[in-house]
PDB file of N, CA and C in Angstrom:
ATOM      1  N   MET A   1     -10.292  24.228   0.974  1.00  0.00           N
ATOM      2  CA  MET A   1     -10.152  22.792   1.093  1.00  0.00           C
ATOM      3  C   MET A   1      -8.672  22.460   1.194  1.00  0.00           C
ATOM      4  N   GLY A   2      -8.268  21.680   2.167  1.00  0.00           N
ATOM      5  CA  GLY A   2      -6.872  21.357   2.395  1.00  0.00           C
ATOM      6  C   GLY A   2      -6.368  20.255   1.487  1.00  0.00           C
ATOM      7  N   LEU A   3      -5.059  20.086   1.459  1.00  0.00           N
ATOM      8  CA  LEU A   3      -4.434  19.067   0.637  1.00  0.00           C
ATOM      9  C   LEU A   3      -4.929  17.669   0.988  1.00  0.00           C
ATOM     10  N   ALA A   4      -5.149  17.394   2.269  1.00  0.00           N
ATOM     11  CA  ALA A   4      -5.589  16.061   2.683  1.00  0.00           C
ATOM     12  C   ALA A   4      -6.917  15.695   2.043  1.00  0.00           C
ATOM     13  N   ALA A   5      -7.794  16.665   1.812  1.00  0.00           N
ATOM     14  CA  ALA A   5      -9.089  16.391   1.207  1.00  0.00           C
ATOM     15  C   ALA A   5      -8.943  16.037  -0.271  1.00  0.00           C
ATOM     16  N   GLU A   6      -7.820  16.397  -0.918  1.00  0.00           N
ATOM     17  CA  GLU A   6      -7.605  16.141  -2.330  1.00  0.00           C
ATOM     18  C   GLU A   6      -6.930  14.795  -2.584  1.00  0.00           C
ATOM     19  N   ARG A   7      -6.478  14.133  -1.579  1.00  0.00           N
ATOM     20  CA  ARG A   7      -5.781  12.861  -1.754  1.00  0.00           C
ATOM     21  C   ARG A   7      -6.754  11.759  -2.142  1.00  0.00           C
ATOM     22  N   GLU A   8      -6.307  10.904  -3.047  1.00  0.00           N
ATOM     23  CA  GLU A   8      -7.127   9.800  -3.502  1.00  0.00           C
ATOM     24  C   GLU A   8      -6.723   8.516  -2.782  1.00  0.00           C
ATOM     25  N   PRO A   9      -7.662   7.841  -2.096  1.00  0.00           N
ATOM     26  CA  PRO A   9      -7.306   6.604  -1.401  1.00  0.00           C
ATOM     27  C   PRO A   9      -7.027   5.484  -2.396  1.00  0.00           C
ATOM     28  N   LYS A  10      -5.975   4.722  -2.152  1.00  0.00           N
ATOM     29  CA  LYS A  10      -5.592   3.582  -2.991  1.00  0.00           C
ATOM     30  C   LYS A  10      -5.511   2.336  -2.131  1.00  0.00           C
ATOM     31  N   ARG A  11      -5.844   1.182  -2.725  1.00  0.00           N
ATOM     32  CA  ARG A  11      -5.744  -0.118  -2.057  1.00  0.00           C
ATOM     33  C   ARG A  11      -5.024  -1.061  -3.000  1.00  0.00           C
ATOM     34  N   SER A  12      -4.005  -1.722  -2.501  1.00  0.00           N
ATOM     35  CA  SER A  12      -3.242  -2.673  -3.305  1.00  0.00           C
ATOM     36  C   SER A  12      -3.341  -4.050  -2.649  1.00  0.00           C
ATOM     37  N   PRO A  13      -4.046  -4.998  -3.291  1.00  0.00           N
ATOM     38  CA  PRO A  13      -4.237  -6.323  -2.681  1.00  0.00           C
ATOM     39  C   PRO A  13      -2.990  -7.194  -2.789  1.00  0.00           C
ATOM     40  N   HIS A  14      -2.711  -7.941  -1.719  1.00  0.00           N
ATOM     41  CA  HIS A  14      -1.555  -8.836  -1.665  1.00  0.00           C
ATOM     42  C   HIS A  14      -1.928 -10.082  -0.880  1.00  0.00           C
ATOM     43  N   ARG A  15      -1.093 -11.116  -0.994  1.00  0.00           N
ATOM     44  CA  ARG A  15      -1.252 -12.327  -0.191  1.00  0.00           C
ATOM     45  C   ARG A  15       0.118 -12.738   0.318  1.00  0.00           C
ATOM     46  N   CYS A  16       0.205 -12.982   1.607  1.00  0.00           N
ATOM     47  CA  CYS A  16       1.451 -13.410   2.241  1.00  0.00           C
ATOM     48  C   CYS A  16       1.662 -14.910   1.991  1.00  0.00           C
ATOM     49  N   ASP A  17       2.895 -15.364   2.171  1.00  0.00           N
ATOM     50  CA  ASP A  17       3.198 -16.790   2.066  1.00  0.00           C
ATOM     51  C   ASP A  17       2.397 -17.617   3.065  1.00  0.00           C
ATOM     52  N   CYS A  18       1.966 -17.008   4.172  1.00  0.00           N
ATOM     53  CA  CYS A  18       1.173 -17.728   5.179  1.00  0.00           C
ATOM     54  C   CYS A  18      -0.275 -17.928   4.721  1.00  0.00           C
ATOM     55  N   GLY A  19      -0.663 -17.283   3.616  1.00  0.00           N
ATOM     56  CA  GLY A  19      -2.012 -17.421   3.089  1.00  0.00           C
ATOM     57  C   GLY A  19      -2.924 -16.250   3.390  1.00  0.00           C
ATOM     58  N   GLN A  20      -2.507 -15.350   4.266  1.00  0.00           N
ATOM     59  CA  GLN A  20      -3.328 -14.192   4.644  1.00  0.00           C
ATOM     60  C   GLN A  20      -3.407 -13.192   3.487  1.00  0.00           C
ATOM     61  N   ALA A  21      -4.631 -12.862   3.076  1.00  0.00           N
ATOM     62  CA  ALA A  21      -4.832 -11.791   2.105  1.00  0.00           C
ATOM     63  C   ALA A  21      -4.911 -10.475   2.865  1.00  0.00           C
ATOM     64  N   PHE A  22      -4.303  -9.432   2.294  1.00  0.00           N
ATOM     65  CA  PHE A  22      -4.349  -8.130   2.936  1.00  0.00           C
ATOM     66  C   PHE A  22      -4.223  -7.038   1.897  1.00  0.00           C
ATOM     67  N   ASP A  23      -4.661  -5.835   2.265  1.00  0.00           N
ATOM     68  CA  ASP A  23      -4.566  -4.667   1.402  1.00  0.00           C
ATOM     69  C   ASP A  23      -3.571  -3.687   2.002  1.00  0.00           C
ATOM     70  N   VAL A  24      -2.665  -3.193   1.165  1.00  0.00           N
ATOM     71  CA  VAL A  24      -1.793  -2.093   1.549  1.00  0.00           C
ATOM     72  C   VAL A  24      -2.534  -0.836   1.081  1.00  0.00           C
ATOM     73  N   CYS A  25      -2.905   0.021   2.024  1.00  0.00           N
ATOM     74  CA  CYS A  25      -3.718   1.205   1.733  1.00  0.00           C
ATOM     75  C   CYS A  25      -2.882   2.462   1.958  1.00  0.00           C
ATOM     76  N   TYR A  26      -3.101   3.467   1.109  1.00  0.00           N
ATOM     77  CA  TYR A  26      -2.385   4.735   1.261  1.00  0.00           C
ATOM     78  C   TYR A  26      -3.146   5.827   0.535  1.00  0.00           C
ATOM     79  N   LEU A  27      -2.815   7.061   0.847  1.00  0.00           N
ATOM     80  CA  LEU A  27      -3.411   8.209   0.168  1.00  0.00           C
ATOM     81  C   LEU A  27      -2.441   8.702  -0.895  1.00  0.00           C
ATOM     82  N   ASP A  28      -2.941   8.838  -2.112  1.00  0.00           N
ATOM     83  CA  ASP A  28      -2.118   9.227  -3.251  1.00  0.00           C
ATOM     84  C   ASP A  28      -2.430  10.670  -3.629  1.00  0.00           C
ATOM     85  N   ASP A  29      -1.431  11.540  -3.538  1.00  0.00           N
ATOM     86  CA  ASP A  29      -1.651  12.949  -3.907  1.00  0.00           C
ATOM     87  C   ASP A  29      -0.708  13.367  -5.028  1.00  0.00           C
ATOM     88  N   ARG A  30      -0.483  12.463  -5.977  1.00  0.00           N
ATOM     89  CA  ARG A  30       0.452  12.755  -7.058  1.00  0.00           C
ATOM     90  C   ARG A  30      -0.042  13.851  -8.007  1.00  0.00           C
ATOM     91  N   ARG A  31      -1.238  14.362  -7.814  1.00  0.00           N
ATOM     92  CA  ARG A  31      -1.680  15.504  -8.618  1.00  0.00           C
ATOM     93  C   ARG A  31      -0.869  16.739  -8.279  1.00  0.00           C
ATOM     94  N   ASP A  32      -0.221  16.729  -7.131  1.00  0.00           N
ATOM     95  CA  ASP A  32       0.662  17.822  -6.723  1.00  0.00           C
ATOM     96  C   ASP A  32       2.006  17.605  -7.418  1.00  0.00           C
ATOM     97  N   PRO A  33       2.450  18.526  -8.291  1.00  0.00           N
ATOM     98  CA  PRO A  33       3.717  18.324  -9.020  1.00  0.00           C
ATOM     99  C   PRO A  33       4.921  18.073  -8.125  1.00  0.00           C
ATOM    100  N   SER A  34       4.901  18.554  -6.902  1.00  0.00           N
ATOM    101  CA  SER A  34       6.031  18.322  -6.005  1.00  0.00           C
ATOM    102  C   SER A  34       6.067  16.879  -5.511  1.00  0.00           C
ATOM    103  N   ARG A  35       5.032  16.097  -5.795  1.00  0.00           N
ATOM    104  CA  ARG A  35       4.950  14.694  -5.355  1.00  0.00           C
ATOM    105  C   ARG A  35       5.205  13.715  -6.500  1.00  0.00           C
ATOM    106  N   ASP A  36       5.699  14.195  -7.646  1.00  0.00           N
ATOM    107  CA  ASP A  36       5.874  13.335  -8.814  1.00  0.00           C
ATOM    108  C   ASP A  36       7.248  12.691  -8.890  1.00  0.00           C
ATOM    109  N   GLY A  37       7.984  12.634  -7.800  1.00  0.00           N
ATOM    110  CA  GLY A  37       9.321  12.042  -7.807  1.00  0.00           C
ATOM    111  C   GLY A  37       9.273  10.525  -7.847  1.00  0.00           C
ATOM    112  N   ASP A  38      10.437   9.933  -7.672  1.00  0.00           N
ATOM    113  CA  ASP A  38      10.541   8.479  -7.674  1.00  0.00           C
ATOM    114  C   ASP A  38       9.741   7.889  -6.515  1.00  0.00           C
ATOM    115  N   PRO A  39       9.228   6.662  -6.687  1.00  0.00           N
ATOM    116  CA  PRO A  39       8.533   6.002  -5.578  1.00  0.00           C
ATOM    117  C   PRO A  39       9.498   5.722  -4.422  1.00  0.00           C
ATOM    118  N   VAL A  40       8.934   5.527  -3.253  1.00  0.00           N
ATOM    119  CA  VAL A  40       9.727   5.209  -2.069  1.00  0.00           C
ATOM    120  C   VAL A  40       9.309   3.834  -1.549  1.00  0.00           C
ATOM    121  N   THR A  41      10.190   3.205  -0.781  1.00  0.00           N
ATOM    122  CA  THR A  41       9.867   1.896  -0.225  1.00  0.00           C
ATOM    123  C   THR A  41       9.391   2.048   1.215  1.00  0.00           C
ATOM    124  N   VAL A  42       8.474   1.174   1.598  1.00  0.00           N
ATOM    125  CA  VAL A  42       7.975   1.120   2.972  1.00  0.00           C
ATOM    126  C   VAL A  42       7.953  -0.340   3.400  1.00  0.00           C
ATOM    127  N   ASP A  43       8.167  -0.572   4.679  1.00  0.00           N
ATOM    128  CA  ASP A  43       8.058  -1.910   5.243  1.00  0.00           C
ATOM    129  C   ASP A  43       6.725  -2.023   5.955  1.00  0.00           C
ATOM    130  N   VAL A  44       5.995  -3.099   5.657  1.00  0.00           N
ATOM    131  CA  VAL A  44       4.725  -3.365   6.321  1.00  0.00           C
ATOM    132  C   VAL A  44       4.767  -4.791   6.849  1.00  0.00           C
ATOM    133  N   SER A  45       3.900  -5.086   7.793  1.00  0.00           N
ATOM    134  CA  SER A  45       3.831  -6.430   8.363  1.00  0.00           C
ATOM    135  C   SER A  45       2.532  -7.105   7.986  1.00  0.00           C
ATOM    136  N   CYS A  46       2.605  -8.389   7.681  1.00  0.00           N
ATOM    137  CA  CYS A  46       1.415  -9.182   7.396  1.00  0.00           C
ATOM    138  C   CYS A  46       0.533  -9.186   8.642  1.00  0.00           C
ATOM    139  N   PRO A  47      -0.774  -8.922   8.491  1.00  0.00           N
ATOM    140  CA  PRO A  47      -1.650  -8.935   9.670  1.00  0.00           C
ATOM    141  C   PRO A  47      -1.888 -10.335  10.215  1.00  0.00           C
ATOM    142  N   GLY A  48      -1.528 -11.363   9.452  1.00  0.00           N
ATOM    143  CA  GLY A  48      -1.728 -12.731   9.919  1.00  0.00           C
ATOM    144  C   GLY A  48      -0.555 -13.281  10.699  1.00  0.00           C
ATOM    145  N   CYS A  49       0.658 -13.166  10.123  1.00  0.00           N
ATOM    146  CA  CYS A  49       1.830 -13.784  10.752  1.00  0.00           C
ATOM    147  C   CYS A  49       2.870 -12.771  11.219  1.00  0.00           C
ATOM    148  N   GLY A  50       2.733 -11.512  10.822  1.00  0.00           N
ATOM    149  CA  GLY A  50       3.673 -10.487  11.251  1.00  0.00           C
ATOM    150  C   GLY A  50       4.922 -10.382  10.394  1.00  0.00           C
ATOM    151  N   ARG A  51       5.027 -11.215   9.360  1.00  0.00           N
ATOM    152  CA  ARG A  51       6.211 -11.177   8.489  1.00  0.00           C
ATOM    153  C   ARG A  51       6.329  -9.805   7.838  1.00  0.00           C
ATOM    154  N   SER A  52       7.524  -9.245   7.857  1.00  0.00           N
ATOM    155  CA  SER A  52       7.770  -7.934   7.263  1.00  0.00           C
ATOM    156  C   SER A  52       7.965  -8.070   5.765  1.00  0.00           C
ATOM    157  N   ARG A  53       7.382  -7.124   5.020  1.00  0.00           N
ATOM    158  CA  ARG A  53       7.502  -7.093   3.568  1.00  0.00           C
ATOM    159  C   ARG A  53       7.745  -5.663   3.129  1.00  0.00           C
ATOM    160  N   THR A  54       8.394  -5.507   2.000  1.00  0.00           N
ATOM    161  CA  THR A  54       8.708  -4.188   1.463  1.00  0.00           C
ATOM    162  C   THR A  54       7.841  -3.915   0.236  1.00  0.00           C
ATOM    163  N   PHE A  55       7.273  -2.715   0.188  1.00  0.00           N
ATOM    164  CA  PHE A  55       6.442  -2.285  -0.931  1.00  0.00           C
ATOM    165  C   PHE A  55       6.881  -0.909  -1.392  1.00  0.00           C
ATOM    166  N   THR A  56       6.530  -0.549  -2.603  1.00  0.00           N
ATOM    167  CA  THR A  56       6.795   0.798  -3.091  1.00  0.00           C
ATOM    168  C   THR A  56       5.481   1.562  -3.186  1.00  0.00           C
ATOM    169  N   VAL A  57       5.548   2.829  -2.825  1.00  0.00           N
ATOM    170  CA  VAL A  57       4.393   3.727  -2.906  1.00  0.00           C
ATOM    171  C   VAL A  57       4.882   5.071  -3.442  1.00  0.00           C
ATOM    172  N   PRO A  58       3.976   5.891  -3.959  1.00  0.00           N
ATOM    173  CA  PRO A  58       4.393   7.214  -4.441  1.00  0.00           C
ATOM    174  C   PRO A  58       4.990   8.046  -3.313  1.00  0.00           C
ATOM    175  N   ILE A  59       5.952   8.887  -3.662  1.00  0.00           N
ATOM    176  CA  ILE A  59       6.569   9.761  -2.663  1.00  0.00           C
ATOM    177  C   ILE A  59       5.485  10.580  -1.955  1.00  0.00           C
ATOM    178  N   GLY A  60       5.587  10.700  -0.665  1.00  0.00           N
ATOM    179  CA  GLY A  60       4.592  11.399   0.151  1.00  0.00           C
ATOM    180  C   GLY A  60       3.561  10.464   0.745  1.00  0.00           C
ATOM    181  N   ALA A  61       3.274   9.352   0.045  1.00  0.00           N
ATOM    182  CA  ALA A  61       2.264   8.403   0.530  1.00  0.00           C
ATOM    183  C   ALA A  61       2.784   7.545   1.670  1.00  0.00           C
ATOM    184  N   GLU A  62       4.108   7.499   1.854  1.00  0.00           N
ATOM    185  CA  GLU A  62       4.675   6.645   2.905  1.00  0.00           C
ATOM    186  C   GLU A  62       4.195   7.040   4.293  1.00  0.00           C
ATOM    187  N   ARG A  63       3.750   8.266   4.453  1.00  0.00           N
ATOM    188  CA  ARG A  63       3.262   8.722   5.764  1.00  0.00           C
ATOM    189  C   ARG A  63       1.820   8.276   6.033  1.00  0.00           C
ATOM    190  N   THR A  64       1.145   7.727   5.026  1.00  0.00           N
ATOM    191  CA  THR A  64      -0.261   7.377   5.183  1.00  0.00           C
ATOM    192  C   THR A  64      -0.534   5.882   5.049  1.00  0.00           C
ATOM    193  N   VAL A  65       0.505   5.051   4.946  1.00  0.00           N
ATOM    194  CA  VAL A  65       0.329   3.621   4.695  1.00  0.00           C
ATOM    195  C   VAL A  65      -0.312   2.921   5.886  1.00  0.00           C
ATOM    196  N   THR A  66      -1.324   2.107   5.601  1.00  0.00           N
ATOM    197  CA  THR A  66      -1.929   1.215   6.591  1.00  0.00           C
ATOM    198  C   THR A  66      -2.091  -0.154   5.943  1.00  0.00           C
ATOM    199  N   VAL A  67      -2.205  -1.193   6.762  1.00  0.00           N
ATOM    200  CA  VAL A  67      -2.411  -2.550   6.272  1.00  0.00           C
ATOM    201  C   VAL A  67      -3.716  -3.053   6.861  1.00  0.00           C
ATOM    202  N   GLU A  68      -4.583  -3.605   5.998  1.00  0.00           N
ATOM    203  CA  GLU A  68      -5.872  -4.127   6.445  1.00  0.00           C
ATOM    204  C   GLU A  68      -6.011  -5.567   5.979  1.00  0.00           C
ATOM    205  N   ALA A  69      -6.387  -6.454   6.898  1.00  0.00           N
ATOM    206  CA  ALA A  69      -6.659  -7.839   6.524  1.00  0.00           C
ATOM    207  C   ALA A  69      -7.821  -7.843   5.546  1.00  0.00           C
ATOM    208  N   SER A  70      -7.763  -8.761   4.589  1.00  0.00           N
ATOM    209  CA  SER A  70      -8.786  -8.836   3.557  1.00  0.00           C
ATOM    210  C   SER A  70      -9.394 -10.227   3.544  1.00  0.00           C
ATOM    211  N   GLU A  71     -10.651 -10.292   3.210  1.00  0.00           N
ATOM    212  CA  GLU A  71     -11.336 -11.578   3.077  1.00  0.00           C
ATOM    213  C   GLU A  71     -11.338 -12.030   1.629  1.00  0.00           C
ATOM    214  N   SER A  72     -10.614 -11.326   0.767  1.00  0.00           N
ATOM    215  CA  SER A  72     -10.617 -11.601  -0.667  1.00  0.00           C
ATOM    216  C   SER A  72     -10.121 -13.001  -0.977  1.00  0.00           C
ATOM    217  N   GLU A  73     -10.760 -13.635  -1.927  1.00  0.00           N
ATOM    218  CA  GLU A  73     -10.349 -14.968  -2.365  1.00  0.00           C
ATOM    219  C   GLU A  73      -9.759 -14.925  -3.770  1.00  0.00           C
ATOM    220  N   HIS A  74      -9.451 -13.735  -4.281  1.00  0.00           N
ATOM    221  CA  HIS A  74      -8.925 -13.605  -5.633  1.00  0.00           C
ATOM    222  C   HIS A  74      -7.560 -14.277  -5.737  1.00  0.00           C
ATOM    223  N   GLU A  75      -7.364 -15.056  -6.792  1.00  0.00           N
ATOM    224  CA  GLU A  75      -6.093 -15.728  -7.012  1.00  0.00           C
ATOM    225  C   GLU A  75      -5.085 -14.831  -7.718  1.00  0.00           C
ATOM    226  N   ASP A  76      -5.529 -13.675  -8.238  1.00  0.00           N
ATOM    227  CA  ASP A  76      -4.640 -12.811  -8.992  1.00  0.00           C
ATOM    228  C   ASP A  76      -3.957 -11.765  -8.109  1.00  0.00           C
ATOM    229  N   LEU A  77      -3.931 -12.007  -6.820  1.00  0.00           N
ATOM    230  CA  LEU A  77      -3.284 -11.069  -5.901  1.00  0.00           C
ATOM    231  C   LEU A  77      -1.777 -11.090  -6.085  1.00  0.00           C
ATOM    232  N   VAL A  78      -1.150  -9.967  -5.900  1.00  0.00           N
ATOM    233  CA  VAL A  78       0.300  -9.890  -5.932  1.00  0.00           C
ATOM    234  C   VAL A  78       0.818 -10.625  -4.706  1.00  0.00           C
ATOM    235  N   ASP A  79       1.812 -11.497  -4.872  1.00  0.00           N
ATOM    236  CA  ASP A  79       2.291 -12.232  -3.706  1.00  0.00           C
ATOM    237  C   ASP A  79       3.671 -11.788  -3.242  1.00  0.00           C
ATOM    238  N   GLU A  80       4.259 -10.825  -3.899  1.00  0.00           N
ATOM    239  CA  GLU A  80       5.528 -10.279  -3.443  1.00  0.00           C
ATOM    240  C   GLU A  80       5.449  -8.761  -3.543  1.00  0.00           C
ATOM    241  N   GLY A  81       6.386  -8.067  -2.893  1.00  0.00           N
ATOM    242  CA  GLY A  81       6.389  -6.606  -2.859  1.00  0.00           C
ATOM    243  C   GLY A  81       6.353  -5.986  -4.237  1.00  0.00           C
ATOM    244  N   GLY A  82       6.132  -4.674  -4.258  1.00  0.00           N
ATOM    245  CA  GLY A  82       6.107  -3.962  -5.511  1.00  0.00           C
ATOM    246  C   GLY A  82       4.781  -3.313  -5.786  1.00  0.00           C
ATOM    247  N   GLY A  83       3.897  -3.279  -4.796  1.00  0.00           N
ATOM    248  CA  GLY A  83       2.606  -2.629  -4.988  1.00  0.00           C
ATOM    249  C   GLY A  83       2.781  -1.148  -5.185  1.00  0.00           C
ATOM    250  N   GLY A  84       1.731  -0.489  -5.591  1.00  0.00           N
ATOM    251  CA  GLY A  84       1.828   0.945  -5.728  1.00  0.00           C
ATOM    252  C   GLY A  84       1.197   1.433  -6.885  1.00  0.00           C
TER     253      GLY A  84
END
């Protein structure tokens, strides 16, 4: 079984200033001791307005980041960077 099969998918819900809810998704493989370093920053764009935002993810996960529009109506969504 390869390393990719051991990665755990993560979703971090956010809401842009434009009102669009979205999830920052990535694969987390921090079970690998070589991946336990400091988090790294990634730039993603809001799927609604295209505004660029910066988020933190575990080292190694920056290669797997995707953004998905969400239909979530939760008010407890993070509205600024810092997911992870």
